[in-house]
Amino acid sequence: MGTEGSTVLSPLWRGLPTIDSSAASTSASCSLPPRFEAVGSARKFTRNTLDRWDLIGLFDEVALVVSELVTNSMRYAMPAASSVSGVASGAVSVGPGVGEYGGVGEYETPVRLHLMRWTSRLVCAVRDPSESGPVVGEAGAGDECGRGLYLVESFSDAWGWHPLAGALHGKVVWALFRLPRDRD
């Protein structure tokens, strides 16, 4: 995750009990290409990471939240997404270039998934280049879009977003799961 981890996610801890300093923490992250196929890659990465952390029992709810957060980044945060027809079919593709996502030469994919685990919580965070915050949709009965953030809210214990600071531009949208989870 790099050195920006504690700075990037510091607003996430407001209102939560402090983390015991003796609690083990670990993290994993992956870059995601600006294509809708990346949602499947994010789910696979999540499955493998949760399996390594002995949290595979949480896969269904965490994968649903990760899928929604990554889909929102691909659909709404990518600069080309609003002007490309066929967005729903996954036709969005943005290549590196001068000034895109941080300049020439050192291209990093604009969307990144972070999974962070402590003894008492698991956090999924998606970083993207947009500085606009997520908007909870108002879906009609027959609408196919507009329910994603309601799902995130329903399946996680908390979620939110904040703009990035420093050299990174854009935002982080995060969802928190308290551990251990009560299973009904």
N, C-alpha and C. Protein backbone atom coordinates (compact mmCIF):
# COMPACT_ATOMS: atom_id res chain seq x y z
N MET A 1 0.82 -1.19 0.00
CA MET A 1 0.00 0.00 0.00
C MET A 1 0.86 1.24 0.00
N GLY A 2 2.03 1.16 0.48
CA GLY A 2 2.90 2.32 0.44
C GLY A 2 2.81 3.16 1.70
N THR A 3 3.51 4.26 1.68
CA THR A 3 3.60 5.10 2.87
C THR A 3 2.40 5.98 3.08
N GLU A 4 1.54 6.13 2.04
CA GLU A 4 0.41 7.03 2.19
C GLU A 4 -0.75 6.40 2.95
N GLY A 5 -0.66 5.14 3.33
CA GLY A 5 -1.78 4.42 3.92
C GLY A 5 -2.40 5.09 5.12
N SER A 6 -1.62 5.46 6.11
CA SER A 6 -2.21 6.05 7.30
C SER A 6 -2.78 7.44 7.02
N THR A 7 -2.16 8.19 6.13
CA THR A 7 -2.67 9.51 5.79
C THR A 7 -3.94 9.40 4.96
N VAL A 8 -3.95 8.51 3.98
CA VAL A 8 -5.08 8.36 3.09
C VAL A 8 -6.32 7.95 3.85
N LEU A 9 -6.17 7.11 4.85
CA LEU A 9 -7.34 6.56 5.52
C LEU A 9 -7.60 7.15 6.89
N SER A 10 -6.88 8.19 7.28
CA SER A 10 -7.07 8.72 8.63
C SER A 10 -8.50 9.16 8.93
N PRO A 11 -9.28 9.75 8.00
CA PRO A 11 -10.65 10.12 8.35
C PRO A 11 -11.53 8.90 8.64
N LEU A 12 -11.13 7.74 8.18
CA LEU A 12 -11.91 6.53 8.37
C LEU A 12 -12.05 6.14 9.83
N TRP A 13 -11.14 6.54 10.66
CA TRP A 13 -11.14 6.07 12.06
C TRP A 13 -11.97 6.94 12.98
N ARG A 14 -12.41 8.11 12.50
CA ARG A 14 -13.21 8.98 13.38
C ARG A 14 -14.45 8.26 13.86
N GLY A 15 -14.72 8.33 15.15
CA GLY A 15 -15.91 7.73 15.71
C GLY A 15 -15.81 6.24 15.98
N LEU A 16 -14.67 5.63 15.74
CA LEU A 16 -14.49 4.20 16.00
C LEU A 16 -13.55 4.01 17.17
N PRO A 17 -13.71 2.88 17.89
CA PRO A 17 -12.76 2.61 18.97
C PRO A 17 -11.34 2.54 18.42
N THR A 18 -10.39 2.97 19.22
CA THR A 18 -9.00 2.93 18.77
C THR A 18 -8.56 1.48 18.60
N ILE A 19 -7.60 1.30 17.73
CA ILE A 19 -7.07 -0.03 17.47
C ILE A 19 -6.01 -0.33 18.51
N ASP A 20 -6.10 -1.50 19.11
CA ASP A 20 -5.10 -1.96 20.06
C ASP A 20 -3.77 -2.05 19.32
N SER A 21 -2.76 -1.40 19.84
CA SER A 21 -1.46 -1.37 19.15
C SER A 21 -0.84 -2.75 19.04
N SER A 22 -1.26 -3.70 19.87
CA SER A 22 -0.72 -5.05 19.78
C SER A 22 -1.47 -5.89 18.75
N ALA A 23 -2.58 -5.36 18.21
CA ALA A 23 -3.36 -6.10 17.22
C ALA A 23 -2.57 -6.18 15.91
N ALA A 24 -2.54 -7.37 15.36
CA ALA A 24 -1.83 -7.56 14.10
C ALA A 24 -2.55 -6.82 12.99
N SER A 25 -1.79 -6.20 12.09
CA SER A 25 -2.40 -5.58 10.94
C SER A 25 -1.65 -6.01 9.69
N THR A 26 -2.38 -6.09 8.61
CA THR A 26 -1.78 -6.45 7.34
C THR A 26 -2.61 -5.81 6.24
N SER A 27 -2.03 -5.67 5.08
CA SER A 27 -2.75 -5.07 3.98
C SER A 27 -2.29 -5.68 2.67
N ALA A 28 -3.14 -5.51 1.68
CA ALA A 28 -2.83 -5.95 0.32
C ALA A 28 -3.52 -4.97 -0.62
N SER A 29 -2.92 -4.75 -1.77
CA SER A 29 -3.55 -3.85 -2.74
C SER A 29 -3.23 -4.31 -4.15
N CYS A 30 -4.06 -3.90 -5.07
CA CYS A 30 -3.81 -4.21 -6.47
C CYS A 30 -4.28 -3.05 -7.34
N SER A 31 -3.60 -2.85 -8.44
CA SER A 31 -4.00 -1.86 -9.44
C SER A 31 -5.03 -2.50 -10.35
N LEU A 32 -5.97 -1.71 -10.78
CA LEU A 32 -7.03 -2.21 -11.65
C LEU A 32 -7.05 -1.40 -12.94
N PRO A 33 -7.05 -2.08 -14.08
CA PRO A 33 -7.09 -1.34 -15.35
C PRO A 33 -8.45 -0.67 -15.52
N PRO A 34 -8.51 0.40 -16.28
CA PRO A 34 -9.76 1.14 -16.45
C PRO A 34 -10.71 0.46 -17.43
N ARG A 35 -11.09 -0.76 -17.11
CA ARG A 35 -12.05 -1.54 -17.89
C ARG A 35 -12.98 -2.23 -16.91
N PHE A 36 -14.23 -2.46 -17.31
CA PHE A 36 -15.19 -3.09 -16.41
C PHE A 36 -14.80 -4.53 -16.07
N GLU A 37 -13.99 -5.17 -16.88
CA GLU A 37 -13.51 -6.51 -16.56
C GLU A 37 -12.70 -6.51 -15.26
N ALA A 38 -12.23 -5.34 -14.86
CA ALA A 38 -11.45 -5.22 -13.62
C ALA A 38 -12.28 -5.59 -12.39
N VAL A 39 -13.60 -5.50 -12.48
CA VAL A 39 -14.45 -5.86 -11.34
C VAL A 39 -14.25 -7.34 -11.01
N GLY A 40 -14.20 -8.19 -12.01
CA GLY A 40 -13.93 -9.61 -11.78
C GLY A 40 -12.55 -9.84 -11.19
N SER A 41 -11.58 -9.09 -11.67
CA SER A 41 -10.21 -9.20 -11.11
C SER A 41 -10.19 -8.77 -9.65
N ALA A 42 -10.96 -7.74 -9.32
CA ALA A 42 -11.03 -7.27 -7.93
C ALA A 42 -11.65 -8.34 -7.03
N ARG A 43 -12.69 -9.02 -7.53
CA ARG A 43 -13.30 -10.10 -6.74
C ARG A 43 -12.31 -11.25 -6.53
N LYS A 44 -11.57 -11.60 -7.57
CA LYS A 44 -10.59 -12.69 -7.45
C LYS A 44 -9.50 -12.30 -6.45
N PHE A 45 -9.00 -11.07 -6.55
CA PHE A 45 -8.00 -10.58 -5.61
C PHE A 45 -8.53 -10.63 -4.18
N THR A 46 -9.80 -10.22 -4.00
CA THR A 46 -10.43 -10.23 -2.69
C THR A 46 -10.53 -11.66 -2.16
N ARG A 47 -10.97 -12.60 -3.00
CA ARG A 47 -11.07 -14.01 -2.57
C ARG A 47 -9.71 -14.53 -2.12
N ASN A 48 -8.68 -14.31 -2.92
CA ASN A 48 -7.34 -14.81 -2.58
C ASN A 48 -6.82 -14.18 -1.29
N THR A 49 -7.06 -12.88 -1.14
CA THR A 49 -6.57 -12.19 0.07
C THR A 49 -7.31 -12.66 1.31
N LEU A 50 -8.64 -12.75 1.24
CA LEU A 50 -9.40 -13.22 2.40
C LEU A 50 -9.04 -14.65 2.75
N ASP A 51 -8.78 -15.46 1.75
CA ASP A 51 -8.36 -16.85 2.00
C ASP A 51 -7.02 -16.88 2.75
N ARG A 52 -6.06 -16.06 2.32
CA ARG A 52 -4.76 -15.98 3.01
C ARG A 52 -4.91 -15.51 4.45
N TRP A 53 -5.89 -14.65 4.70
CA TRP A 53 -6.11 -14.09 6.04
C TRP A 53 -7.08 -14.93 6.88
N ASP A 54 -7.46 -16.11 6.38
CA ASP A 54 -8.43 -16.98 7.07
C ASP A 54 -9.75 -16.28 7.32
N LEU A 55 -10.19 -15.47 6.36
CA LEU A 55 -11.46 -14.77 6.45
C LEU A 55 -12.36 -15.11 5.26
N ILE A 56 -12.16 -16.27 4.65
CA ILE A 56 -12.91 -16.62 3.44
C ILE A 56 -14.41 -16.69 3.71
N GLY A 57 -14.83 -16.91 4.94
CA GLY A 57 -16.24 -16.92 5.28
C GLY A 57 -16.92 -15.58 5.05
N LEU A 58 -16.15 -14.52 4.93
CA LEU A 58 -16.69 -13.18 4.68
C LEU A 58 -16.75 -12.83 3.19
N PHE A 59 -16.31 -13.78 2.35
CA PHE A 59 -16.14 -13.45 0.94
C PHE A 59 -17.40 -12.89 0.29
N ASP A 60 -18.54 -13.51 0.49
CA ASP A 60 -19.75 -13.07 -0.22
C ASP A 60 -20.07 -11.60 0.03
N GLU A 61 -20.12 -11.21 1.30
CA GLU A 61 -20.49 -9.82 1.59
C GLU A 61 -19.37 -8.85 1.23
N VAL A 62 -18.12 -9.21 1.46
CA VAL A 62 -17.01 -8.32 1.12
C VAL A 62 -16.89 -8.19 -0.41
N ALA A 63 -17.04 -9.30 -1.12
CA ALA A 63 -16.95 -9.25 -2.59
C ALA A 63 -18.06 -8.40 -3.19
N LEU A 64 -19.24 -8.47 -2.62
CA LEU A 64 -20.33 -7.64 -3.11
C LEU A 64 -19.99 -6.16 -2.95
N VAL A 65 -19.47 -5.79 -1.80
CA VAL A 65 -19.09 -4.40 -1.54
C VAL A 65 -17.94 -3.97 -2.46
N VAL A 66 -16.92 -4.81 -2.58
CA VAL A 66 -15.80 -4.50 -3.47
C VAL A 66 -16.31 -4.32 -4.90
N SER A 67 -17.19 -5.21 -5.35
CA SER A 67 -17.74 -5.11 -6.71
C SER A 67 -18.45 -3.78 -6.92
N GLU A 68 -19.25 -3.37 -5.95
CA GLU A 68 -19.98 -2.11 -6.08
C GLU A 68 -19.03 -0.91 -6.10
N LEU A 69 -18.03 -0.91 -5.21
CA LEU A 69 -17.10 0.23 -5.16
C LEU A 69 -16.27 0.33 -6.43
N VAL A 70 -15.78 -0.81 -6.93
CA VAL A 70 -14.98 -0.79 -8.15
C VAL A 70 -15.85 -0.42 -9.35
N THR A 71 -17.05 -0.96 -9.42
CA THR A 71 -17.96 -0.62 -10.52
C THR A 71 -18.23 0.88 -10.53
N ASN A 72 -18.48 1.47 -9.37
CA ASN A 72 -18.71 2.92 -9.32
C ASN A 72 -17.50 3.69 -9.81
N SER A 73 -16.31 3.25 -9.43
CA SER A 73 -15.10 3.93 -9.92
C SER A 73 -15.00 3.84 -11.43
N MET A 74 -15.26 2.67 -11.98
CA MET A 74 -15.17 2.49 -13.43
C MET A 74 -16.26 3.29 -14.15
N ARG A 75 -17.44 3.32 -13.59
CA ARG A 75 -18.58 3.95 -14.26
C ARG A 75 -18.56 5.47 -14.14
N TYR A 76 -18.21 5.98 -12.96
CA TYR A 76 -18.38 7.41 -12.71
C TYR A 76 -17.09 8.20 -12.54
N ALA A 77 -15.99 7.55 -12.20
CA ALA A 77 -14.78 8.30 -11.87
C ALA A 77 -13.76 8.36 -13.00
N MET A 78 -13.93 7.53 -14.01
CA MET A 78 -12.96 7.52 -15.09
C MET A 78 -13.26 8.66 -16.06
N PRO A 79 -12.26 9.44 -16.44
CA PRO A 79 -12.48 10.60 -17.30
C PRO A 79 -13.19 10.27 -18.61
N ALA A 80 -12.90 9.14 -19.21
CA ALA A 80 -13.50 8.80 -20.51
C ALA A 80 -14.88 8.17 -20.35
N ALA A 81 -15.25 7.75 -19.15
CA ALA A 81 -16.49 6.99 -18.97
C ALA A 81 -17.72 7.75 -19.40
N SER A 82 -17.77 9.04 -19.15
CA SER A 82 -18.97 9.80 -19.47
C SER A 82 -19.12 10.09 -20.96
N SER A 83 -18.04 9.97 -21.73
CA SER A 83 -18.14 10.32 -23.13
C SER A 83 -18.07 9.10 -24.05
N VAL A 84 -17.92 7.92 -23.48
CA VAL A 84 -17.80 6.71 -24.29
C VAL A 84 -19.13 5.99 -24.32
N SER A 85 -19.63 5.71 -25.53
CA SER A 85 -20.85 4.92 -25.60
C SER A 85 -20.48 3.47 -25.33
N GLY A 86 -21.43 2.72 -24.83
CA GLY A 86 -21.16 1.32 -24.53
C GLY A 86 -20.52 1.12 -23.18
N VAL A 87 -20.69 2.06 -22.26
CA VAL A 87 -20.08 1.94 -20.94
C VAL A 87 -20.54 0.67 -20.26
N ALA A 88 -21.81 0.35 -20.35
CA ALA A 88 -22.33 -0.83 -19.67
C ALA A 88 -21.74 -2.11 -20.22
N SER A 89 -21.28 -2.09 -21.47
CA SER A 89 -20.72 -3.31 -22.04
C SER A 89 -19.24 -3.47 -21.73
N GLY A 90 -18.66 -2.52 -21.03
CA GLY A 90 -17.25 -2.64 -20.66
C GLY A 90 -16.32 -2.07 -21.71
N ALA A 91 -16.81 -1.19 -22.56
CA ALA A 91 -16.01 -0.68 -23.66
C ALA A 91 -15.06 0.43 -23.24
N VAL A 92 -15.09 0.84 -21.99
CA VAL A 92 -14.24 1.93 -21.55
C VAL A 92 -12.79 1.46 -21.50
N SER A 93 -11.91 2.21 -22.11
CA SER A 93 -10.50 1.90 -22.06
C SER A 93 -9.73 3.20 -22.16
N VAL A 94 -8.91 3.45 -21.17
CA VAL A 94 -8.14 4.68 -21.14
C VAL A 94 -6.67 4.29 -21.11
N GLY A 95 -5.91 4.81 -22.01
CA GLY A 95 -4.49 4.47 -22.06
C GLY A 95 -3.64 5.55 -21.46
N PRO A 96 -2.37 5.25 -21.20
CA PRO A 96 -1.48 6.25 -20.63
C PRO A 96 -1.17 7.34 -21.64
N GLY A 97 -0.86 8.50 -21.13
CA GLY A 97 -0.52 9.60 -22.02
C GLY A 97 0.02 10.76 -21.23
N VAL A 98 0.37 11.79 -21.90
CA VAL A 98 0.93 12.95 -21.25
C VAL A 98 -0.13 13.57 -20.35
N GLY A 99 0.20 13.71 -19.10
CA GLY A 99 -0.68 14.36 -18.16
C GLY A 99 -1.80 13.50 -17.59
N GLU A 100 -2.04 12.32 -18.13
CA GLU A 100 -3.11 11.49 -17.60
C GLU A 100 -2.66 10.79 -16.33
N TYR A 101 -3.42 10.97 -15.26
CA TYR A 101 -3.19 10.27 -13.99
C TYR A 101 -1.79 10.44 -13.46
N GLY A 102 -1.20 11.56 -13.64
CA GLY A 102 0.06 11.81 -12.97
C GLY A 102 1.26 12.04 -13.84
N GLY A 103 1.12 12.19 -15.12
CA GLY A 103 2.26 12.64 -15.89
C GLY A 103 2.83 11.64 -16.86
N VAL A 104 3.98 11.98 -17.41
CA VAL A 104 4.62 11.19 -18.45
C VAL A 104 5.56 10.19 -17.82
N GLY A 105 5.63 9.00 -18.43
CA GLY A 105 6.63 8.03 -18.03
C GLY A 105 6.21 7.12 -16.89
N GLU A 106 5.77 7.65 -15.78
CA GLU A 106 5.43 6.82 -14.64
C GLU A 106 3.92 6.69 -14.55
N TYR A 107 3.37 5.85 -15.41
CA TYR A 107 1.93 5.65 -15.45
C TYR A 107 1.52 4.62 -14.39
N GLU A 108 0.55 4.96 -13.61
CA GLU A 108 -0.04 4.01 -12.69
C GLU A 108 -1.53 3.96 -13.01
N THR A 109 -2.10 2.77 -12.96
CA THR A 109 -3.51 2.69 -13.27
C THR A 109 -4.27 3.59 -12.30
N PRO A 110 -5.32 4.20 -12.79
CA PRO A 110 -6.02 5.21 -12.00
C PRO A 110 -6.88 4.66 -10.87
N VAL A 111 -7.18 3.36 -10.88
CA VAL A 111 -8.01 2.77 -9.84
C VAL A 111 -7.19 1.72 -9.10
N ARG A 112 -7.27 1.76 -7.78
CA ARG A 112 -6.51 0.83 -6.95
C ARG A 112 -7.40 0.34 -5.82
N LEU A 113 -7.39 -0.97 -5.58
CA LEU A 113 -8.13 -1.59 -4.50
C LEU A 113 -7.18 -1.90 -3.36
N HIS A 114 -7.55 -1.48 -2.15
CA HIS A 114 -6.78 -1.77 -0.95
C HIS A 114 -7.66 -2.59 -0.01
N LEU A 115 -7.11 -3.65 0.55
CA LEU A 115 -7.76 -4.41 1.61
C LEU A 115 -6.83 -4.34 2.81
N MET A 116 -7.38 -3.94 3.96
CA MET A 116 -6.58 -3.80 5.17
C MET A 116 -7.28 -4.52 6.31
N ARG A 117 -6.50 -5.27 7.07
CA ARG A 117 -7.07 -6.07 8.15
C ARG A 117 -6.36 -5.80 9.47
N TRP A 118 -7.17 -5.62 10.49
CA TRP A 118 -6.72 -5.57 11.86
C TRP A 118 -7.50 -6.63 12.62
N THR A 119 -7.16 -6.86 13.86
CA THR A 119 -7.88 -7.86 14.65
C THR A 119 -9.36 -7.55 14.71
N SER A 120 -9.71 -6.28 14.81
CA SER A 120 -11.11 -5.91 15.03
C SER A 120 -11.83 -5.36 13.80
N ARG A 121 -11.16 -5.23 12.66
CA ARG A 121 -11.83 -4.68 11.49
C ARG A 121 -11.12 -5.02 10.19
N LEU A 122 -11.90 -5.00 9.14
CA LEU A 122 -11.42 -5.18 7.77
C LEU A 122 -11.92 -3.97 6.99
N VAL A 123 -11.06 -3.37 6.20
CA VAL A 123 -11.42 -2.21 5.40
C VAL A 123 -11.14 -2.49 3.94
N CYS A 124 -12.12 -2.19 3.09
CA CYS A 124 -11.96 -2.22 1.65
C CYS A 124 -11.96 -0.77 1.20
N ALA A 125 -10.96 -0.37 0.44
CA ALA A 125 -10.88 1.01 -0.02
C ALA A 125 -10.54 1.02 -1.50
N VAL A 126 -11.23 1.85 -2.25
CA VAL A 126 -10.98 1.98 -3.69
C VAL A 126 -10.58 3.42 -3.95
N ARG A 127 -9.40 3.57 -4.53
CA ARG A 127 -8.88 4.89 -4.90
C ARG A 127 -9.12 5.11 -6.38
N ASP A 128 -9.59 6.31 -6.74
CA ASP A 128 -9.78 6.61 -8.16
C ASP A 128 -9.44 8.08 -8.42
N PRO A 129 -9.35 8.50 -9.69
CA PRO A 129 -8.87 9.85 -10.01
C PRO A 129 -9.91 10.95 -9.87
N SER A 130 -11.16 10.63 -9.60
CA SER A 130 -12.18 11.67 -9.50
C SER A 130 -12.18 12.30 -8.13
N GLU A 131 -12.36 13.61 -8.09
CA GLU A 131 -12.46 14.30 -6.80
C GLU A 131 -13.91 14.46 -6.36
N SER A 132 -14.86 14.02 -7.18
CA SER A 132 -16.28 14.10 -6.84
C SER A 132 -16.67 12.92 -5.95
N GLY A 133 -17.42 13.22 -4.90
CA GLY A 133 -17.85 12.18 -3.99
C GLY A 133 -18.94 11.31 -4.58
N PRO A 134 -19.09 10.11 -4.06
CA PRO A 134 -20.15 9.23 -4.53
C PRO A 134 -21.52 9.79 -4.15
N VAL A 135 -22.49 9.52 -4.98
CA VAL A 135 -23.85 10.00 -4.76
C VAL A 135 -24.78 8.80 -4.67
N VAL A 136 -25.53 8.72 -3.59
CA VAL A 136 -26.48 7.64 -3.42
C VAL A 136 -27.61 7.85 -4.43
N GLY A 137 -27.84 6.84 -5.26
CA GLY A 137 -28.85 6.94 -6.31
C GLY A 137 -30.26 6.75 -5.79
N GLU A 138 -31.21 7.16 -6.61
CA GLU A 138 -32.62 6.93 -6.32
C GLU A 138 -33.16 6.07 -7.44
N ALA A 139 -33.16 4.75 -7.21
CA ALA A 139 -33.56 3.81 -8.24
C ALA A 139 -35.06 3.54 -8.18
N GLY A 140 -35.66 3.51 -9.36
CA GLY A 140 -37.06 3.10 -9.47
C GLY A 140 -37.14 1.58 -9.45
N ALA A 141 -38.35 1.06 -9.36
CA ALA A 141 -38.56 -0.38 -9.25
C ALA A 141 -37.92 -1.15 -10.40
N GLY A 142 -37.94 -0.63 -11.61
CA GLY A 142 -37.40 -1.36 -12.75
C GLY A 142 -36.00 -0.94 -13.16
N ASP A 143 -35.40 0.00 -12.46
CA ASP A 143 -34.07 0.50 -12.82
C ASP A 143 -32.99 -0.52 -12.52
N GLU A 144 -31.98 -0.58 -13.40
CA GLU A 144 -30.85 -1.48 -13.19
C GLU A 144 -29.72 -0.81 -12.42
N CYS A 145 -29.72 0.49 -12.31
CA CYS A 145 -28.66 1.23 -11.62
C CYS A 145 -29.26 2.02 -10.47
N GLY A 146 -28.38 2.43 -9.55
CA GLY A 146 -28.81 3.33 -8.48
C GLY A 146 -28.94 2.68 -7.11
N ARG A 147 -28.59 1.40 -6.99
CA ARG A 147 -28.72 0.72 -5.70
C ARG A 147 -27.38 0.35 -5.07
N GLY A 148 -26.28 0.58 -5.76
CA GLY A 148 -24.98 0.12 -5.31
C GLY A 148 -24.58 0.59 -3.93
N LEU A 149 -24.71 1.88 -3.66
CA LEU A 149 -24.29 2.39 -2.35
C LEU A 149 -25.24 1.96 -1.24
N TYR A 150 -26.51 1.68 -1.59
CA TYR A 150 -27.41 1.09 -0.59
C TYR A 150 -26.93 -0.30 -0.21
N LEU A 151 -26.45 -1.06 -1.18
CA LEU A 151 -25.89 -2.38 -0.89
C LEU A 151 -24.64 -2.27 -0.03
N VAL A 152 -23.78 -1.32 -0.37
CA VAL A 152 -22.56 -1.10 0.43
C VAL A 152 -22.94 -0.79 1.87
N GLU A 153 -23.91 0.09 2.05
CA GLU A 153 -24.36 0.45 3.39
C GLU A 153 -24.98 -0.74 4.12
N SER A 154 -25.72 -1.57 3.41
CA SER A 154 -26.40 -2.71 4.03
C SER A 154 -25.44 -3.82 4.45
N PHE A 155 -24.40 -4.05 3.68
CA PHE A 155 -23.52 -5.18 3.94
C PHE A 155 -22.29 -4.83 4.76
N SER A 156 -21.94 -3.56 4.86
CA SER A 156 -20.77 -3.16 5.66
C SER A 156 -21.26 -2.50 6.94
N ASP A 157 -20.35 -2.31 7.89
CA ASP A 157 -20.70 -1.65 9.15
C ASP A 157 -20.62 -0.13 9.04
N ALA A 158 -19.85 0.37 8.10
CA ALA A 158 -19.72 1.80 7.86
C ALA A 158 -19.09 1.98 6.49
N TRP A 159 -19.36 3.11 5.87
CA TRP A 159 -18.68 3.44 4.63
C TRP A 159 -18.58 4.96 4.52
N GLY A 160 -17.71 5.41 3.66
CA GLY A 160 -17.55 6.83 3.47
C GLY A 160 -16.53 7.09 2.37
N TRP A 161 -16.15 8.33 2.26
CA TRP A 161 -15.16 8.71 1.26
C TRP A 161 -14.45 9.97 1.73
N HIS A 162 -13.32 10.23 1.14
CA HIS A 162 -12.62 11.48 1.37
C HIS A 162 -11.67 11.76 0.22
N PRO A 163 -11.40 13.05 -0.04
CA PRO A 163 -10.45 13.39 -1.10
C PRO A 163 -9.04 13.03 -0.69
N LEU A 164 -8.21 12.76 -1.66
CA LEU A 164 -6.80 12.49 -1.40
C LEU A 164 -6.05 13.80 -1.21
N ALA A 165 -4.96 13.72 -0.50
CA ALA A 165 -4.14 14.90 -0.23
C ALA A 165 -2.73 14.65 -0.76
N GLY A 166 -1.98 15.70 -0.88
CA GLY A 166 -0.59 15.57 -1.30
C GLY A 166 -0.47 15.35 -2.79
N ALA A 167 0.47 14.48 -3.18
CA ALA A 167 0.76 14.25 -4.59
C ALA A 167 -0.33 13.45 -5.29
N LEU A 168 -1.10 12.69 -4.54
CA LEU A 168 -2.17 11.91 -5.14
C LEU A 168 -3.41 12.77 -5.34
N HIS A 169 -4.05 12.60 -6.48
CA HIS A 169 -5.28 13.33 -6.78
C HIS A 169 -6.42 12.35 -6.89
N GLY A 170 -7.59 12.77 -6.48
CA GLY A 170 -8.76 11.91 -6.57
C GLY A 170 -9.38 11.72 -5.21
N LYS A 171 -9.91 10.51 -5.00
CA LYS A 171 -10.58 10.21 -3.73
C LYS A 171 -10.41 8.75 -3.38
N VAL A 172 -10.77 8.43 -2.15
CA VAL A 172 -10.85 7.05 -1.67
C VAL A 172 -12.26 6.85 -1.14
N VAL A 173 -12.90 5.79 -1.61
CA VAL A 173 -14.19 5.37 -1.07
C VAL A 173 -13.92 4.08 -0.31
N TRP A 174 -14.38 4.01 0.93
CA TRP A 174 -14.04 2.87 1.79
C TRP A 174 -15.28 2.27 2.43
N ALA A 175 -15.14 1.01 2.81
CA ALA A 175 -16.19 0.32 3.56
C ALA A 175 -15.50 -0.48 4.66
N LEU A 176 -16.10 -0.47 5.84
CA LEU A 176 -15.51 -1.10 7.01
C LEU A 176 -16.39 -2.27 7.46
N PHE A 177 -15.74 -3.37 7.80
CA PHE A 177 -16.41 -4.54 8.37
C PHE A 177 -15.77 -4.80 9.73
N ARG A 178 -16.58 -4.82 10.78
CA ARG A 178 -16.06 -5.15 12.10
C ARG A 178 -15.81 -6.65 12.18
N LEU A 179 -14.74 -7.04 12.88
CA LEU A 179 -14.39 -8.45 13.06
C LEU A 179 -14.40 -8.77 14.54
N PRO A 180 -14.78 -9.94 14.96
CA PRO A 180 -15.39 -10.98 14.12
C PRO A 180 -16.82 -10.62 13.79
N ARG A 181 -17.28 -11.11 12.65
CA ARG A 181 -18.66 -10.86 12.20
C ARG A 181 -19.59 -11.84 12.88
N ASP A 182 -20.75 -11.35 13.32
CA ASP A 182 -21.78 -12.25 13.82
C ASP A 182 -22.45 -12.89 12.63
N ARG A 183 -22.51 -14.20 12.64
CA ARG A 183 -23.14 -14.94 11.54
C ARG A 183 -24.52 -15.37 11.99
N ASP A 184 -25.56 -14.97 11.27
CA ASP A 184 -26.94 -15.37 11.61
C ASP A 184 -27.26 -16.73 11.04
